C-alpha atoms as a PDB file:
ATOM      1  CA  MET A   1     -29.208  10.418   0.538  1.00  0.00           C
ATOM      2  CA  GLN A   2     -27.101  12.145  -1.924  1.00  0.00           C
ATOM      3  CA  ASN A   3     -26.180   9.442  -4.651  1.00  0.00           C
ATOM      4  CA  HIS A   4     -24.794  11.212  -7.617  1.00  0.00           C
ATOM      5  CA  TYR A   5     -20.994  12.551  -7.147  1.00  0.00           C
ATOM      6  CA  ASP A   6     -18.536  14.140  -9.644  1.00  0.00           C
ATOM      7  CA  VAL A   7     -15.857  12.095  -8.826  1.00  0.00           C
ATOM      8  CA  ILE A   8     -15.750   8.585  -6.460  1.00  0.00           C
ATOM      9  CA  VAL A   9     -12.300   7.529  -4.987  1.00  0.00           C
ATOM     10  CA  ILE A  10     -12.358   3.810  -4.038  1.00  0.00           C
ATOM     11  CA  GLY A  11     -10.046   3.372  -1.120  1.00  0.00           C
ATOM     12  CA  GLY A  12      -8.991   5.511   1.903  1.00  0.00           C
ATOM     13  CA  GLY A  13      -5.695   4.920   2.296  1.00  0.00           C
ATOM     14  CA  ALA A  14      -2.908   7.941   1.528  1.00  0.00           C
ATOM     15  CA  ALA A  15      -3.672   8.337  -2.095  1.00  0.00           C
ATOM     16  CA  GLY A  16      -7.613   8.258  -1.817  1.00  0.00           C
ATOM     17  CA  LEU A  17      -7.633  10.815   1.122  1.00  0.00           C
ATOM     18  CA  THR A  18      -5.389  12.997  -0.904  1.00  0.00           C
ATOM     19  CA  ALA A  19      -7.309  12.680  -3.817  1.00  0.00           C
ATOM     20  CA  GLY A  20     -10.614  13.817  -1.915  1.00  0.00           C
ATOM     21  CA  ILE A  21      -8.446  16.783  -0.386  1.00  0.00           C
ATOM     22  CA  TYR A  22      -7.570  18.103  -3.963  1.00  0.00           C
ATOM     23  CA  LEU A  23     -10.834  17.711  -5.106  1.00  0.00           C
ATOM     24  CA  SER A  24     -12.946  19.014  -2.323  1.00  0.00           C
ATOM     25  CA  ARG A  25     -10.704  21.921  -2.086  1.00  0.00           C
ATOM     26  CA  ALA A  26     -11.360  22.534  -5.893  1.00  0.00           C
ATOM     27  CA  LYS A  27     -15.007  22.139  -5.204  1.00  0.00           C
ATOM     28  CA  VAL A  28     -15.520  19.088  -7.160  1.00  0.00           C
ATOM     29  CA  ASN A  29     -18.237  16.908  -5.467  1.00  0.00           C
ATOM     30  CA  THR A  30     -16.272  13.939  -3.997  1.00  0.00           C
ATOM     31  CA  LEU A  31     -17.270  10.752  -2.219  1.00  0.00           C
ATOM     32  CA  ILE A  32     -14.505   8.440  -0.978  1.00  0.00           C
ATOM     33  CA  LEU A  33     -15.778   4.783  -0.508  1.00  0.00           C
ATOM     34  CA  ASN A  34     -13.634   2.586   1.723  1.00  0.00           C
ATOM     35  CA  GLU A  35     -14.127  -1.326   2.791  1.00  0.00           C
ATOM     36  CA  GLY A  36     -12.045  -0.995   5.686  1.00  0.00           C
ATOM     37  CA  ALA A  37     -10.902   1.369   8.519  1.00  0.00           C
ATOM     38  CA  VAL A  38      -9.764   4.924   6.830  1.00  0.00           C
ATOM     39  CA  GLY A  39      -6.105   4.882   6.356  1.00  0.00           C
ATOM     40  CA  GLY A  40      -4.803   2.187   4.489  1.00  0.00           C
ATOM     41  CA  GLN A  41      -1.585   0.890   4.887  1.00  0.00           C
ATOM     42  CA  MET A  42      -0.808   3.917   7.103  1.00  0.00           C
ATOM     43  CA  VAL A  43      -2.592   2.694  10.261  1.00  0.00           C
ATOM     44  CA  LEU A  44      -0.046  -0.152  10.085  1.00  0.00           C
ATOM     45  CA  THR A  45       2.806   1.888  10.880  1.00  0.00           C
ATOM     46  CA  HIS A  46       3.633   2.617  14.215  1.00  0.00           C
ATOM     47  CA  GLU A  47       5.849   5.520  13.319  1.00  0.00           C
ATOM     48  CA  ILE A  48       6.470   7.895  10.319  1.00  0.00           C
ATOM     49  CA  ALA A  49      10.023   9.466  10.284  1.00  0.00           C
ATOM     50  CA  ASN A  50      10.237  10.280   6.661  1.00  0.00           C
ATOM     51  CA  TYR A  51       6.976  12.031   5.788  1.00  0.00           C
ATOM     52  CA  PRO A  52       8.679  15.926   4.377  1.00  0.00           C
ATOM     53  CA  GLY A  53       8.001  18.456   7.321  1.00  0.00           C
ATOM     54  CA  ILE A  54       6.966  16.087   9.950  1.00  0.00           C
ATOM     55  CA  GLU A  55       9.892  14.787  12.401  1.00  0.00           C
ATOM     56  CA  SER A  56       7.887  12.005  13.645  1.00  0.00           C
ATOM     57  CA  ILE A  57       3.814  10.708  13.802  1.00  0.00           C
ATOM     58  CA  SER A  58       2.279   7.619  13.904  1.00  0.00           C
ATOM     59  CA  GLY A  59       0.351   6.280  10.779  1.00  0.00           C
ATOM     60  CA  TYR A  60      -2.912   6.234  12.912  1.00  0.00           C
ATOM     61  CA  GLU A  61      -2.505   9.779  13.470  1.00  0.00           C
ATOM     62  CA  LEU A  62      -1.235  10.864  10.287  1.00  0.00           C
ATOM     63  CA  ALA A  63      -4.408   9.212   8.664  1.00  0.00           C
ATOM     64  CA  ARG A  64      -6.802  10.703  10.831  1.00  0.00           C
ATOM     65  CA  ASN A  65      -5.430  14.345  10.014  1.00  0.00           C
ATOM     66  CA  MET A  66      -5.644  13.415   6.347  1.00  0.00           C
ATOM     67  CA  LYS A  67      -9.469  12.426   6.749  1.00  0.00           C
ATOM     68  CA  SER A  68     -10.038  15.592   8.822  1.00  0.00           C
ATOM     69  CA  GLN A  69      -8.444  17.717   6.379  1.00  0.00           C
ATOM     70  CA  ALA A  70     -10.968  16.313   3.378  1.00  0.00           C
ATOM     71  CA  GLN A  71     -13.726  16.607   5.183  1.00  0.00           C
ATOM     72  CA  LYS A  72     -13.121  19.818   6.269  1.00  0.00           C
ATOM     73  CA  PHE A  73     -13.041  20.603   2.283  1.00  0.00           C
ATOM     74  CA  GLY A  74     -16.477  18.936   2.036  1.00  0.00           C
ATOM     75  CA  CYS A  75     -15.742  15.238   0.780  1.00  0.00           C
ATOM     76  CA  THR A  76     -18.057  12.962   1.967  1.00  0.00           C
ATOM     77  CA  ILE A  77     -16.415   9.983   3.425  1.00  0.00           C
ATOM     78  CA  LYS A  78     -18.013   6.142   3.910  1.00  0.00           C
ATOM     79  CA  SER A  79     -16.252   3.508   5.679  1.00  0.00           C
ATOM     80  CA  ASN A  80     -16.402  -0.101   6.526  1.00  0.00           C
ATOM     81  CA  LEU A  81     -18.738  -1.063   3.624  1.00  0.00           C
ATOM     82  CA  LYS A  82     -18.461  -3.440   0.888  1.00  0.00           C
ATOM     83  CA  ILE A  83     -18.400  -2.787  -2.894  1.00  0.00           C
ATOM     84  CA  THR A  84     -20.421  -5.255  -4.325  1.00  0.00           C
ATOM     85  CA  GLU A  85     -20.482  -4.169  -7.946  1.00  0.00           C
ATOM     86  CA  LEU A  86     -18.752  -1.741 -10.360  1.00  0.00           C
ATOM     87  CA  ASP A  87     -20.133  -0.404 -13.722  1.00  0.00           C
ATOM     88  CA  LEU A  88     -17.129   1.800 -15.023  1.00  0.00           C
ATOM     89  CA  ASN A  89     -17.664   1.298 -18.717  1.00  0.00           C
ATOM     90  CA  SER A  90     -20.665   3.578 -19.025  1.00  0.00           C
ATOM     91  CA  GLU A  91     -20.216   7.286 -19.510  1.00  0.00           C
ATOM     92  CA  THR A  92     -22.007   7.732 -15.911  1.00  0.00           C
ATOM     93  CA  LYS A  93     -20.093   5.094 -13.724  1.00  0.00           C
ATOM     94  CA  LYS A  94     -21.834   3.282 -10.774  1.00  0.00           C
ATOM     95  CA  VAL A  95     -20.352   1.855  -7.446  1.00  0.00           C
ATOM     96  CA  THR A  96     -23.130  -0.727  -5.718  1.00  0.00           C
ATOM     97  CA  VAL A  97     -22.397  -1.009  -2.027  1.00  0.00           C
ATOM     98  CA  ASN A  98     -23.881  -3.559   0.306  1.00  0.00           C
ATOM     99  CA  ASN A  99     -25.555  -5.040  -2.633  1.00  0.00           C
ATOM    100  CA  LYS A 100     -28.246  -2.379  -2.275  1.00  0.00           C
ATOM    101  CA  ASP A 101     -26.830   1.686  -2.202  1.00  0.00           C
ATOM    102  CA  VAL A 102     -25.875   2.724  -5.835  1.00  0.00           C
ATOM    103  CA  TYR A 103     -23.821   5.558  -6.195  1.00  0.00           C
ATOM    104  CA  THR A 104     -22.930   7.472  -9.426  1.00  0.00           C
ATOM    105  CA  ALA A 105     -20.267   9.758 -10.663  1.00  0.00           C
ATOM    106  CA  HIS A 106     -18.652  11.353 -13.583  1.00  0.00           C
ATOM    107  CA  ALA A 107     -15.177   9.930 -13.216  1.00  0.00           C
ATOM    108  CA  VAL A 108     -13.809   7.315 -10.391  1.00  0.00           C
ATOM    109  CA  ILE A 109     -10.371   7.072  -8.922  1.00  0.00           C
ATOM    110  CA  ILE A 110      -9.140   3.635  -7.863  1.00  0.00           C
ATOM    111  CA  ALA A 111      -7.112   3.670  -5.064  1.00  0.00           C
ATOM    112  CA  THR A 112      -7.556   0.411  -3.138  1.00  0.00           C
ATOM    113  CA  GLY A 113      -4.205   0.137  -2.161  1.00  0.00           C
ATOM    114  CA  GLY A 114      -2.539  -3.374  -1.423  1.00  0.00           C
ATOM    115  CA  LYS A 115      -0.545  -5.043   1.127  1.00  0.00           C
ATOM    116  CA  SER A 116       2.706  -6.740   1.851  1.00  0.00           C
ATOM    117  CA  ARG A 117       2.467 -10.671   1.501  1.00  0.00           C
ATOM    118  CA  THR A 118       2.763 -12.367   4.621  1.00  0.00           C
ATOM    119  CA  ILE A 119       4.233 -15.407   6.021  1.00  0.00           C
ATOM    120  CA  GLY A 120       1.123 -16.513   7.941  1.00  0.00           C
ATOM    121  CA  ALA A 121       3.103 -17.636  11.239  1.00  0.00           C
ATOM    122  CA  PRO A 122       1.930 -17.590  14.564  1.00  0.00           C
ATOM    123  CA  GLY A 123       2.657 -13.712  16.284  1.00  0.00           C
ATOM    124  CA  GLU A 124       2.941 -11.914  12.880  1.00  0.00           C
ATOM    125  CA  ASP A 125      -0.530 -10.077  13.127  1.00  0.00           C
ATOM    126  CA  GLU A 126       0.129  -9.617  17.135  1.00  0.00           C
ATOM    127  CA  PHE A 127       3.777  -7.969  16.274  1.00  0.00           C
ATOM    128  CA  LYS A 128       3.026  -5.873  12.847  1.00  0.00           C
ATOM    129  CA  GLY A 129       4.610  -2.410  14.163  1.00  0.00           C
ATOM    130  CA  LYS A 130       6.345  -3.936  17.038  1.00  0.00           C
ATOM    131  CA  GLY A 131       9.333  -5.465  15.563  1.00  0.00           C
ATOM    132  CA  ILE A 132       7.904  -6.460  12.153  1.00  0.00           C
ATOM    133  CA  SER A 133       8.292  -4.503   9.391  1.00  0.00           C
ATOM    134  CA  TYR A 134       7.497  -4.779   5.459  1.00  0.00           C
ATOM    135  CA  CYS A 135       9.095  -1.394   5.053  1.00  0.00           C
ATOM    136  CA  ALA A 136      13.015  -1.190   5.528  1.00  0.00           C
ATOM    137  CA  THR A 137      12.644   2.480   4.381  1.00  0.00           C
ATOM    138  CA  CYS A 138       9.964   3.419   6.844  1.00  0.00           C
ATOM    139  CA  ASP A 139      11.650   1.340  10.007  1.00  0.00           C
ATOM    140  CA  GLY A 140      15.116   0.879   9.320  1.00  0.00           C
ATOM    141  CA  ASP A 141      16.553   3.432  11.338  1.00  0.00           C
ATOM    142  CA  PHE A 142      14.540   2.195  14.578  1.00  0.00           C
ATOM    143  CA  PHE A 143      16.786  -0.954  14.422  1.00  0.00           C
ATOM    144  CA  GLN A 144      20.286   1.129  14.889  1.00  0.00           C
ATOM    145  CA  ASP A 145      22.865  -1.123  16.408  1.00  0.00           C
ATOM    146  CA  LYS A 146      20.134  -3.768  16.667  1.00  0.00           C
ATOM    147  CA  GLU A 147      20.167  -7.388  15.323  1.00  0.00           C
ATOM    148  CA  ILE A 148      17.437  -8.104  12.679  1.00  0.00           C
ATOM    149  CA  ILE A 149      16.237 -10.886  10.237  1.00  0.00           C
ATOM    150  CA  VAL A 150      15.416 -10.474   6.793  1.00  0.00           C
ATOM    151  CA  VAL A 151      12.920 -13.201   4.865  1.00  0.00           C
ATOM    152  CA  GLY A 152      12.842 -13.375   1.381  1.00  0.00           C
ATOM    153  CA  GLY A 153      15.270 -14.405  -1.232  1.00  0.00           C
ATOM    154  CA  GLY A 154      14.389 -12.366  -4.270  1.00  0.00           C
ATOM    155  CA  ASN A 155      15.660  -8.732  -5.368  1.00  0.00           C
ATOM    156  CA  SER A 156      13.652  -6.681  -2.716  1.00  0.00           C
ATOM    157  CA  ALA A 157      14.723  -9.217   0.112  1.00  0.00           C
ATOM    158  CA  LEU A 158      18.411  -9.004  -0.781  1.00  0.00           C
ATOM    159  CA  GLU A 159      18.409  -5.053  -1.905  1.00  0.00           C
ATOM    160  CA  GLU A 160      16.777  -4.132   1.393  1.00  0.00           C
ATOM    161  CA  ALA A 161      18.850  -6.189   3.395  1.00  0.00           C
ATOM    162  CA  VAL A 162      22.099  -4.324   1.986  1.00  0.00           C
ATOM    163  CA  SER A 163      20.467  -1.148   3.027  1.00  0.00           C
ATOM    164  CA  LEU A 164      19.421  -2.079   6.317  1.00  0.00           C
ATOM    165  CA  THR A 165      23.197  -2.971   7.228  1.00  0.00           C
ATOM    166  CA  LYS A 166      23.317   1.052   7.390  1.00  0.00           C
ATOM    167  CA  TYR A 167      21.397   0.660  10.467  1.00  0.00           C
ATOM    168  CA  ALA A 168      21.655  -2.653  11.659  1.00  0.00           C
ATOM    169  CA  SER A 169      24.291  -4.374  13.971  1.00  0.00           C
ATOM    170  CA  LYS A 170      23.493  -7.946  12.004  1.00  0.00           C
ATOM    171  CA  VAL A 171      21.513  -8.776   9.453  1.00  0.00           C
ATOM    172  CA  THR A 172      20.171 -12.784   8.704  1.00  0.00           C
ATOM    173  CA  ILE A 173      18.568 -13.768   5.747  1.00  0.00           C
ATOM    174  CA  VAL A 174      16.194 -16.340   6.050  1.00  0.00           C
ATOM    175  CA  HIS A 175      15.162 -18.070   3.003  1.00  0.00           C
ATOM    176  CA  GLN A 176      13.209 -21.442   2.189  1.00  0.00           C
ATOM    177  CA  PHE A 177      15.175 -22.187  -0.751  1.00  0.00           C
ATOM    178  CA  ASP A 178      18.549 -23.651  -0.966  1.00  0.00           C
ATOM    179  CA  HIS A 179      19.117 -20.728  -3.866  1.00  0.00           C
ATOM    180  CA  PHE A 180      18.227 -16.908  -4.247  1.00  0.00           C
ATOM    181  CA  GLN A 181      15.642 -15.671  -7.138  1.00  0.00           C
ATOM    182  CA  ALA A 182      17.227 -12.410  -7.169  1.00  0.00           C
ATOM    183  CA  PHE A 183      19.453 -11.291 -10.037  1.00  0.00           C
ATOM    184  CA  GLU A 184      23.187 -12.093  -9.483  1.00  0.00           C
ATOM    185  CA  HIS A 185      24.468  -8.706  -8.568  1.00  0.00           C
ATOM    186  CA  TYR A 186      22.310  -8.467  -5.606  1.00  0.00           C
ATOM    187  CA  VAL A 187      23.390 -11.905  -4.420  1.00  0.00           C
ATOM    188  CA  GLU A 188      26.882 -10.812  -4.643  1.00  0.00           C
ATOM    189  CA  GLU A 189      26.541  -7.874  -3.004  1.00  0.00           C
ATOM    190  CA  ALA A 190      24.933  -9.264  -0.245  1.00  0.00           C
ATOM    191  CA  LYS A 191      27.437 -11.861   0.181  1.00  0.00           C
ATOM    192  CA  LYS A 192      30.244  -9.689   0.471  1.00  0.00           C
ATOM    193  CA  ASN A 193      28.935  -7.790   3.038  1.00  0.00           C
ATOM    194  CA  PRO A 194      30.142  -8.662   6.403  1.00  0.00           C
ATOM    195  CA  LYS A 195      27.251  -7.517   8.323  1.00  0.00           C
ATOM    196  CA  ILE A 196      25.043 -10.463   6.479  1.00  0.00           C
ATOM    197  CA  ASN A 197      24.569 -14.051   7.100  1.00  0.00           C
ATOM    198  CA  PHE A 198      22.550 -16.621   5.714  1.00  0.00           C
ATOM    199  CA  ILE A 199      19.916 -19.000   6.760  1.00  0.00           C
ATOM    200  CA  MET A 200      18.900 -21.102   4.149  1.00  0.00           C
ATOM    201  CA  GLU A 201      16.499 -23.860   2.982  1.00  0.00           C
ATOM    202  CA  SER A 202      14.542 -22.468   6.411  1.00  0.00           C
ATOM    203  CA  LYS A 203      11.478 -20.384   7.463  1.00  0.00           C
ATOM    204  CA  ILE A 204       9.973 -18.748  10.468  1.00  0.00           C
ATOM    205  CA  ILE A 205       7.203 -20.862  12.028  1.00  0.00           C
ATOM    206  CA  GLU A 206       6.633 -18.475  15.115  1.00  0.00           C
ATOM    207  CA  PHE A 207       7.033 -14.954  16.289  1.00  0.00           C
ATOM    208  CA  THR A 208       8.053 -14.587  20.008  1.00  0.00           C
ATOM    209  CA  GLY A 209       7.760 -11.876  22.542  1.00  0.00           C
ATOM    210  CA  ASP A 210       5.620 -10.014  24.900  1.00  0.00           C
ATOM    211  CA  GLU A 211       4.673  -6.217  24.329  1.00  0.00           C
ATOM    212  CA  LYS A 212       7.427  -6.200  21.362  1.00  0.00           C
ATOM    213  CA  LEU A 213       9.014  -8.786  19.115  1.00  0.00           C
ATOM    214  CA  THR A 214      11.859 -10.514  21.219  1.00  0.00           C
ATOM    215  CA  GLY A 215      12.161 -13.489  19.327  1.00  0.00           C
ATOM    216  CA  VAL A 216      11.457 -16.077  16.343  1.00  0.00           C
ATOM    217  CA  LYS A 217      11.562 -19.937  15.832  1.00  0.00           C
ATOM    218  CA  ILE A 218      13.266 -21.422  12.485  1.00  0.00           C
ATOM    219  CA  GLN A 219      12.284 -24.590  10.946  1.00  0.00           C
ATOM    220  CA  HIS A 220      14.884 -26.459   8.733  1.00  0.00           C
ATOM    221  CA  GLN A 221      13.074 -27.313   5.375  1.00  0.00           C
ATOM    222  CA  GLN A 222      14.400 -30.831   5.143  1.00  0.00           C
ATOM    223  CA  THR A 223      15.575 -32.054   8.283  1.00  0.00           C
ATOM    224  CA  LYS A 224      12.853 -30.351  10.309  1.00  0.00           C
ATOM    225  CA  GLU A 225      14.736 -28.939  13.281  1.00  0.00           C
ATOM    226  CA  ILE A 226      13.515 -26.091  15.079  1.00  0.00           C
ATOM    227  CA  THR A 227      15.681 -23.412  16.671  1.00  0.00           C
ATOM    228  CA  ALA A 228      15.067 -20.670  18.719  1.00  0.00           C
ATOM    229  CA  MET A 229      16.761 -17.370  18.148  1.00  0.00           C
ATOM    230  CA  ASP A 230      16.510 -13.961  19.926  1.00  0.00           C
ATOM    231  CA  ILE A 231      16.296 -11.113  17.467  1.00  0.00           C
ATOM    232  CA  ASP A 232      15.411  -7.280  17.694  1.00  0.00           C
ATOM    233  CA  GLY A 233      13.622  -7.149  14.595  1.00  0.00           C
ATOM    234  CA  VAL A 234      12.289  -8.703  11.606  1.00  0.00           C
ATOM    235  CA  PHE A 235      11.749  -7.563   7.825  1.00  0.00           C
ATOM    236  CA  ILE A 236       9.473  -9.335   5.496  1.00  0.00           C
ATOM    237  CA  PHE A 237       9.861  -9.045   1.596  1.00  0.00           C
ATOM    238  CA  ILE A 238       8.329 -11.723   0.061  1.00  0.00           C
ATOM    239  CA  GLY A 239       6.281  -9.976  -2.476  1.00  0.00           C
ATOM    240  CA  TYR A 240       3.344  -7.606  -2.868  1.00  0.00           C
ATOM    241  CA  VAL A 241      -0.381  -8.183  -3.248  1.00  0.00           C
ATOM    242  CA  PRO A 242      -2.480  -5.305  -4.980  1.00  0.00           C
ATOM    243  CA  ASN A 243      -6.239  -4.944  -4.029  1.00  0.00           C
ATOM    244  CA  THR A 244      -7.387  -5.337  -7.600  1.00  0.00           C
ATOM    245  CA  GLU A 245      -9.489  -8.942  -7.439  1.00  0.00           C
ATOM    246  CA  LYS A 246     -12.834  -6.662  -8.204  1.00  0.00           C
ATOM    247  CA  LEU A 247     -11.080  -5.241 -10.911  1.00  0.00           C
ATOM    248  CA  GLU A 248      -9.952  -8.328 -13.341  1.00  0.00           C
ATOM    249  CA  GLY A 249     -11.616  -8.222 -16.288  1.00  0.00           C
ATOM    250  CA  ILE A 250     -12.736  -4.402 -15.643  1.00  0.00           C
ATOM    251  CA  VAL A 251      -9.381  -2.300 -15.819  1.00  0.00           C
ATOM    252  CA  GLU A 252      -6.044  -3.189 -17.543  1.00  0.00           C
ATOM    253  CA  LEU A 253      -4.042  -5.132 -14.939  1.00  0.00           C
ATOM    254  CA  ASN A 254      -0.300  -6.445 -15.803  1.00  0.00           C
ATOM    255  CA  ASP A 255       0.942 -10.361 -14.770  1.00  0.00           C
ATOM    256  CA  TRP A 256       0.895  -9.122 -11.201  1.00  0.00           C
ATOM    257  CA  LYS A 257      -2.377  -7.977 -10.813  1.00  0.00           C
ATOM    258  CA  GLU A 258      -1.346  -4.326 -10.630  1.00  0.00           C
ATOM    259  CA  ILE A 259      -3.533  -1.265 -12.443  1.00  0.00           C
ATOM    260  CA  LEU A 260      -1.779  -0.226 -15.709  1.00  0.00           C
ATOM    261  CA  VAL A 261      -1.874   3.723 -16.001  1.00  0.00           C
ATOM    262  CA  ASP A 262      -0.238   6.484 -18.023  1.00  0.00           C
ATOM    263  CA  LYS A 263       1.499   9.733 -16.829  1.00  0.00           C
ATOM    264  CA  ASN A 264      -1.769  11.378 -15.786  1.00  0.00           C
ATOM    265  CA  LEU A 265      -2.905   8.078 -14.036  1.00  0.00           C
ATOM    266  CA  ALA A 266      -5.371   7.458 -16.338  1.00  0.00           C
ATOM    267  CA  THR A 267      -6.424   3.735 -17.066  1.00  0.00           C
ATOM    268  CA  ASN A 268      -7.549   2.468 -20.204  1.00  0.00           C
ATOM    269  CA  ILE A 269     -11.084   3.221 -19.413  1.00  0.00           C
ATOM    270  CA  PRO A 270     -12.197   6.775 -20.109  1.00  0.00           C
ATOM    271  CA  GLY A 271     -13.024   8.796 -16.550  1.00  0.00           C
ATOM    272  CA  VAL A 272     -11.405   6.203 -14.417  1.00  0.00           C
ATOM    273  CA  PHE A 273      -7.937   6.785 -12.969  1.00  0.00           C
ATOM    274  CA  ALA A 274      -5.696   4.977 -10.328  1.00  0.00           C
ATOM    275  CA  ALA A 275      -3.302   6.313  -7.917  1.00  0.00           C
ATOM    276  CA  GLY A 276      -1.450   4.563  -5.013  1.00  0.00           C
ATOM    277  CA  ASP A 277      -0.586   0.937  -4.082  1.00  0.00           C
ATOM    278  CA  SER A 278      -2.721  -0.875  -6.453  1.00  0.00           C
ATOM    279  CA  ILE A 279      -1.113   0.684  -9.501  1.00  0.00           C
ATOM    280  CA  ALA A 280       1.902  -0.791 -11.505  1.00  0.00           C
ATOM    281  CA  LYS A 281       5.277   1.289  -9.940  1.00  0.00           C
ATOM    282  CA  ARG A 282       8.274   0.692  -8.270  1.00  0.00           C
ATOM    283  CA  TYR A 283       8.415   2.412  -5.236  1.00  0.00           C
ATOM    284  CA  ARG A 284       5.682   2.303  -2.528  1.00  0.00           C
ATOM    285  CA  GLN A 285       5.956   4.787   0.313  1.00  0.00           C
ATOM    286  CA  VAL A 286       3.056   7.022   2.281  1.00  0.00           C
ATOM    287  CA  THR A 287       4.758  10.246  -0.039  1.00  0.00           C
ATOM    288  CA  THR A 288       4.539   8.390  -3.386  1.00  0.00           C
ATOM    289  CA  ALA A 289       1.024   7.644  -2.460  1.00  0.00           C
ATOM    290  CA  VAL A 290       0.217  11.198  -1.941  1.00  0.00           C
ATOM    291  CA  ALA A 291       1.972  12.218  -5.050  1.00  0.00           C
ATOM    292  CA  ASP A 292      -0.410   9.788  -7.005  1.00  0.00           C
ATOM    293  CA  GLY A 293      -3.624  11.204  -5.171  1.00  0.00           C
ATOM    294  CA  THR A 294      -2.431  14.720  -6.031  1.00  0.00           C
ATOM    295  CA  ILE A 295      -2.279  13.862  -9.991  1.00  0.00           C
ATOM    296  CA  ALA A 296      -5.220  11.657 -10.304  1.00  0.00           C
ATOM    297  CA  ALA A 297      -7.265  14.348  -8.446  1.00  0.00           C
ATOM    298  CA  LEU A 298      -5.921  16.717 -10.854  1.00  0.00           C
ATOM    299  CA  SER A 299      -6.661  14.750 -13.959  1.00  0.00           C
ATOM    300  CA  ALA A 300      -9.973  13.561 -12.733  1.00  0.00           C
ATOM    301  CA  ALA A 301     -10.865  17.312 -11.917  1.00  0.00           C
ATOM    302  CA  GLU A 302      -9.884  18.208 -15.693  1.00  0.00           C
ATOM    303  CA  PHE A 303     -12.109  15.222 -17.089  1.00  0.00           C
ATOM    304  CA  VAL A 304     -14.985  16.361 -14.940  1.00  0.00           C
ATOM    305  CA  ASN A 305     -14.557  19.782 -15.724  1.00  0.00           C
ATOM    306  CA  ASN A 306     -14.384  19.115 -19.670  1.00  0.00           C
ATOM    307  CA  ILE A 307     -17.871  17.301 -19.175  1.00  0.00           C
ATOM    308  CA  LYS A 308     -19.487  19.918 -17.699  1.00  0.00           C
ATOM    309  CA  LYS A 309     -18.395  22.321 -19.918  1.00  0.00           C
ATOM    310  CA  GLU A 310     -19.705  20.200 -23.134  1.00  0.00           C
ATOM    311  CA  LEU A 311     -23.222  19.523 -21.088  1.00  0.00           C
ATOM    312  CA  LEU A 312     -23.503  23.596 -20.833  1.00  0.00           C
ATOM    313  CA  LEU A 313     -22.264  23.674 -24.269  1.00  0.00           C
ATOM    314  CA  ALA A 314     -25.417  21.525 -25.486  1.00  0.00           C
ATOM    315  CA  GLN A 315     -28.099  23.075 -23.287  1.00  0.00           C
ATOM    316  CA  ALA A 316     -27.133  26.366 -25.033  1.00  0.00           C
ATOM    317  CA  ASN A 317     -27.238  25.263 -28.551  1.00  0.00           C
END
């Protein structure tokens, strides 16, 4: 079993797979290590209709295509494993898998991604991608002339609620408090939109339906009264959680546990780069993850090539 590579990519979502494609095509010996099934957040998206050059494709199919492309260029991909130890501060980076297998590399790209914060109510897992969405840009146009709910009270929730009125006939914002946490101009914009109404001090306690979502049960926080509501879709914007738990104390993170990077997507550790939804940035789309993966791959390739040049010079002398 080969254990040493030029670059190890941690994470097999859109950013990680793109990095694998670019690196392997450039003849950089690359290993992708992914804790779950390859594809990341992509595989949760029923249909992707805004990927340039592709009119419509399922997230699962796009992930499968990216994986196949990376492998054809020679990238090694190992998935459904557990990363149990990271040594990134040494000149030779070490990644331990399942407490036994140790892989080393000159450089590492962290592309561990993240996940939208969920409500945790019954039916949420069942109807993800079948009426429940966490991305207005991805899925808004599937709800043309439909009635939908937006959950949340921060900037993202109100901004996306206004955006969704371009498609939906009616948008109901459900928020657990009696006031919003968003900036005042977002609140004012939502309140003056005739398509938006509000259910405050309430939360969704159950999602209902058969093959797809058809309704929700909403409970008032104070009175505990439960109301059933027919609905075509629910968009949830209550925060985002980067998958960086294992990186605390290793690479520099911000207050939201996102990885801090420079314009070349380099972290504070030489030879360690990061890409995709785990880094500090505003927009999280498949296309932005692909762009991140490209930049991180090119930066890592340059870093590795410089190391190899230095080794050759040292041997010549």
